[in-house]
Amino acid sequence: MRNTVSFYKQYRRPARVSRSAGTAAGLLLLAAAATLIWPNPATCQPAAGVAPGPFRAPGRPSAPLARLFTPRHAAPGAYEVVVLDGTIERARAVVAAAAEPAAAEGRPGPSPVLEMDPLMAFGEAGTYEKTTVARLYAGRKAKVVRIPVERDGRTVAAVTLVSPYPDATLSRLVEGTMGIVLYIGAR
């Protein structure tokens, strides 16, 4: 009796792509799509009587935290990590004021403060040791706020606020607020 399934049949295996390579490829694809979809900022006309200018994240920039919590192969200037003093509610108010200099009528209020697992708050794109960060929080939840920044009807940045946050050595939690800013398009 003959076997109907050939032993020589080659089955396709899925391509193995590391998470960092997949993230980098996704960011490149997003950047390419952004240049096709969004208009050139130099040719955009601001709304009548409003000249909001570029968004600048409030707070002190932190290069050591940026190396830990942003993708390794991101384009230069795409991410910025800032540190803000005080509670997350105070930091949310400061960033919301910087994001919308002239608050428009009918706009929704600031984003709510969410409590979530720290690994979900920081994401998987950074180079930080995930097990070390999980041990630092020791079952504690991180408070997280996500704020989109719009200029001339398009999103130019996305801000994620996390409190408390790990220090640059991943040895303790700092009772302040860290902001991870993703700039979309030209700065």
Protein backbone atom coordinates (compact mmCIF):
# COMPACT_ATOMS: atom_id res chain seq x y z
CA MET A 1 0.00 0.00 0.00
CA ARG A 2 1.30 3.39 -0.95
CA ASN A 3 1.28 6.51 1.24
CA THR A 4 -0.57 9.40 -0.45
CA VAL A 5 1.39 12.08 1.39
CA SER A 6 4.86 12.54 0.00
CA PHE A 7 7.76 12.58 2.42
CA TYR A 8 9.57 14.95 0.12
CA LYS A 9 6.95 17.70 0.15
CA GLN A 10 8.39 21.01 1.30
CA TYR A 11 6.16 22.94 3.67
CA ARG A 12 6.53 26.71 3.78
CA ARG A 13 7.75 28.01 7.06
CA PRO A 14 6.94 31.55 8.18
CA ALA A 15 9.84 33.97 7.94
CA ARG A 16 11.48 34.66 11.27
CA VAL A 17 11.64 38.38 11.95
CA SER A 18 12.89 39.72 15.23
CA ARG A 19 10.65 42.12 17.10
CA SER A 20 13.11 44.98 16.74
CA ALA A 21 13.39 44.42 12.98
CA GLY A 22 9.61 44.19 12.69
CA THR A 23 9.22 47.41 14.67
CA ALA A 24 11.80 49.21 12.54
CA ALA A 25 10.13 48.01 9.35
CA GLY A 26 6.75 49.14 10.67
CA LEU A 27 8.12 52.59 11.53
CA LEU A 28 9.65 52.94 8.07
CA LEU A 29 6.36 51.94 6.46
CA LEU A 30 4.48 54.43 8.67
CA ALA A 31 6.91 57.22 7.75
CA ALA A 32 6.57 56.45 4.04
CA ALA A 33 2.77 56.43 4.29
CA ALA A 34 2.83 59.70 6.24
CA THR A 35 4.72 61.48 3.47
CA LEU A 36 2.15 60.30 0.92
CA ILE A 37 -0.99 61.03 2.96
CA TRP A 38 -0.23 64.20 4.91
CA PRO A 39 0.44 67.47 3.16
CA ASN A 40 3.77 69.23 3.28
CA PRO A 41 3.83 71.39 6.45
CA ALA A 42 5.54 74.21 4.54
CA THR A 43 2.54 74.57 2.20
CA CYS A 44 -0.19 74.27 4.86
CA GLN A 45 -2.10 77.43 5.64
CA PRO A 46 -2.82 78.00 9.36
CA ALA A 47 -6.39 78.58 10.50
CA ALA A 48 -7.56 82.18 10.43
CA GLY A 49 -5.98 84.16 13.28
CA VAL A 50 -4.22 81.13 14.80
CA ALA A 51 -0.54 80.37 14.39
CA PRO A 52 0.08 77.49 16.80
CA GLY A 53 3.68 76.75 15.77
CA PRO A 54 5.49 73.47 16.26
CA PHE A 55 4.90 71.37 19.36
CA ARG A 56 7.64 71.35 21.98
CA ALA A 57 7.28 68.83 24.78
CA PRO A 58 7.44 70.46 28.22
CA GLY A 59 9.88 69.05 30.77
CA ARG A 60 13.56 68.18 30.99
CA PRO A 61 14.88 65.94 28.19
CA SER A 62 16.46 62.68 29.39
CA ALA A 63 18.81 60.96 26.94
CA PRO A 64 19.48 57.90 29.20
CA LEU A 65 15.75 57.19 29.50
CA ALA A 66 15.31 57.76 25.77
CA ARG A 67 17.91 55.04 25.03
CA LEU A 68 15.93 52.61 27.21
CA PHE A 69 12.31 53.32 26.30
CA THR A 70 12.40 54.19 22.59
CA PRO A 71 13.07 51.93 19.57
CA ARG A 72 16.75 51.42 18.83
CA HIS A 73 16.48 52.04 15.08
CA ALA A 74 14.05 54.97 15.10
CA ALA A 75 14.82 57.94 12.89
CA PRO A 76 16.76 60.72 14.62
CA GLY A 77 14.37 63.19 16.25
CA ALA A 78 11.37 60.86 15.99
CA TYR A 79 11.23 60.26 19.75
CA GLU A 80 11.96 62.36 22.80
CA VAL A 81 11.74 61.40 26.47
CA VAL A 82 11.13 64.16 29.00
CA VAL A 83 10.82 64.19 32.78
CA LEU A 84 8.19 66.33 34.52
CA ASP A 85 8.02 67.03 38.24
CA GLY A 86 4.86 66.34 40.20
CA THR A 87 1.90 64.03 39.81
CA ILE A 88 0.55 62.69 36.57
CA GLU A 89 -2.53 64.94 36.85
CA ARG A 90 -0.30 68.03 36.99
CA ALA A 91 1.85 66.75 34.10
CA ARG A 92 -1.31 66.03 32.08
CA ALA A 93 -2.46 69.63 32.57
CA VAL A 94 0.96 71.02 31.52
CA VAL A 95 1.17 68.85 28.38
CA ALA A 96 -2.48 69.50 27.46
CA ALA A 97 -1.85 73.26 27.71
CA ALA A 98 1.22 72.94 25.48
CA ALA A 99 -0.64 70.67 23.04
CA GLU A 100 -3.59 73.03 22.60
CA PRO A 101 -2.50 76.65 23.08
CA ALA A 102 -5.93 77.91 22.09
CA ALA A 103 -8.49 75.33 23.20
CA ALA A 104 -11.21 74.97 20.57
CA GLU A 105 -14.91 74.84 21.44
CA GLY A 106 -16.45 71.39 21.43
CA ARG A 107 -13.15 69.56 21.87
CA PRO A 108 -13.16 66.62 24.27
CA GLY A 109 -11.48 67.11 27.65
CA PRO A 110 -8.05 65.78 28.55
CA SER A 111 -7.41 62.05 28.33
CA PRO A 112 -8.24 60.05 31.46
CA VAL A 113 -5.60 58.62 33.79
CA LEU A 114 -5.49 54.85 33.27
CA GLU A 115 -3.87 52.24 35.48
CA MET A 116 -2.17 49.49 33.52
CA ASP A 117 0.58 46.92 33.65
CA PRO A 118 3.97 48.68 33.29
CA LEU A 119 5.03 46.50 30.37
CA MET A 120 1.90 47.56 28.48
CA ALA A 121 2.57 51.20 29.38
CA PHE A 122 6.14 51.18 28.03
CA GLY A 123 5.46 48.83 25.10
CA GLU A 124 7.84 46.34 23.54
CA ALA A 125 9.81 48.65 21.25
CA GLY A 126 12.34 49.83 23.83
CA THR A 127 15.61 48.15 24.76
CA TYR A 128 14.89 48.04 28.50
CA GLU A 129 14.97 44.75 30.41
CA LYS A 130 11.32 43.83 30.71
CA THR A 131 11.78 41.46 33.65
CA THR A 132 13.71 44.09 35.61
CA VAL A 133 10.99 46.68 35.07
CA ALA A 134 8.30 44.17 36.06
CA ARG A 135 10.23 43.42 39.29
CA LEU A 136 10.59 47.15 40.01
CA TYR A 137 6.84 47.67 39.96
CA ALA A 138 6.29 44.49 42.06
CA GLY A 139 2.65 44.07 41.11
CA ARG A 140 1.97 47.80 41.21
CA LYS A 141 0.17 49.43 38.28
CA ALA A 142 1.58 52.37 36.35
CA LYS A 143 -0.60 55.45 35.83
CA VAL A 144 -0.72 56.29 32.12
CA VAL A 145 -2.15 59.16 30.05
CA ARG A 146 -1.99 59.30 26.25
CA ILE A 147 -2.39 62.71 24.59
CA PRO A 148 -2.51 63.32 20.82
CA VAL A 149 -1.19 66.70 19.63
CA GLU A 150 -2.92 68.25 16.62
CA ARG A 151 -1.86 71.21 14.50
CA ASP A 152 -3.83 72.47 11.50
CA GLY A 153 -6.18 69.50 11.65
CA ARG A 154 -3.51 66.78 11.63
CA THR A 155 -1.75 64.86 14.36
CA VAL A 156 1.86 65.98 14.73
CA ALA A 157 2.83 64.18 17.95
CA ALA A 158 1.66 61.60 20.44
CA VAL A 159 2.57 61.93 24.13
CA THR A 160 2.50 59.06 26.62
CA LEU A 161 2.84 60.05 30.28
CA VAL A 162 3.84 57.36 32.81
CA SER A 163 4.01 57.73 36.59
CA PRO A 164 5.94 56.52 38.56
CA TYR A 165 8.78 55.70 36.19
CA PRO A 166 12.06 53.73 36.51
CA ASP A 167 15.33 55.63 36.77
CA ALA A 168 17.95 55.22 34.04
CA THR A 169 19.72 52.40 35.94
CA LEU A 170 16.45 50.45 36.40
CA SER A 171 17.20 50.19 40.12
CA ARG A 172 14.30 52.20 41.63
CA LEU A 173 11.04 53.95 40.81
CA VAL A 174 10.96 57.74 40.68
CA GLU A 175 7.79 59.43 41.99
CA GLY A 176 7.45 61.86 39.10
CA THR A 177 6.18 61.66 35.55
CA MET A 178 8.00 60.57 32.41
CA GLY A 179 6.76 61.61 28.98
CA ILE A 180 7.53 59.64 25.82
CA VAL A 181 6.89 61.84 22.78
CA LEU A 182 6.58 60.45 19.24
CA TYR A 183 6.86 63.19 16.62
CA ILE A 184 4.97 62.44 13.42
CA GLY A 185 6.26 64.10 10.26
CA ALA A 186 8.74 66.97 10.10
CA ARG A 187 9.62 68.82 13.28
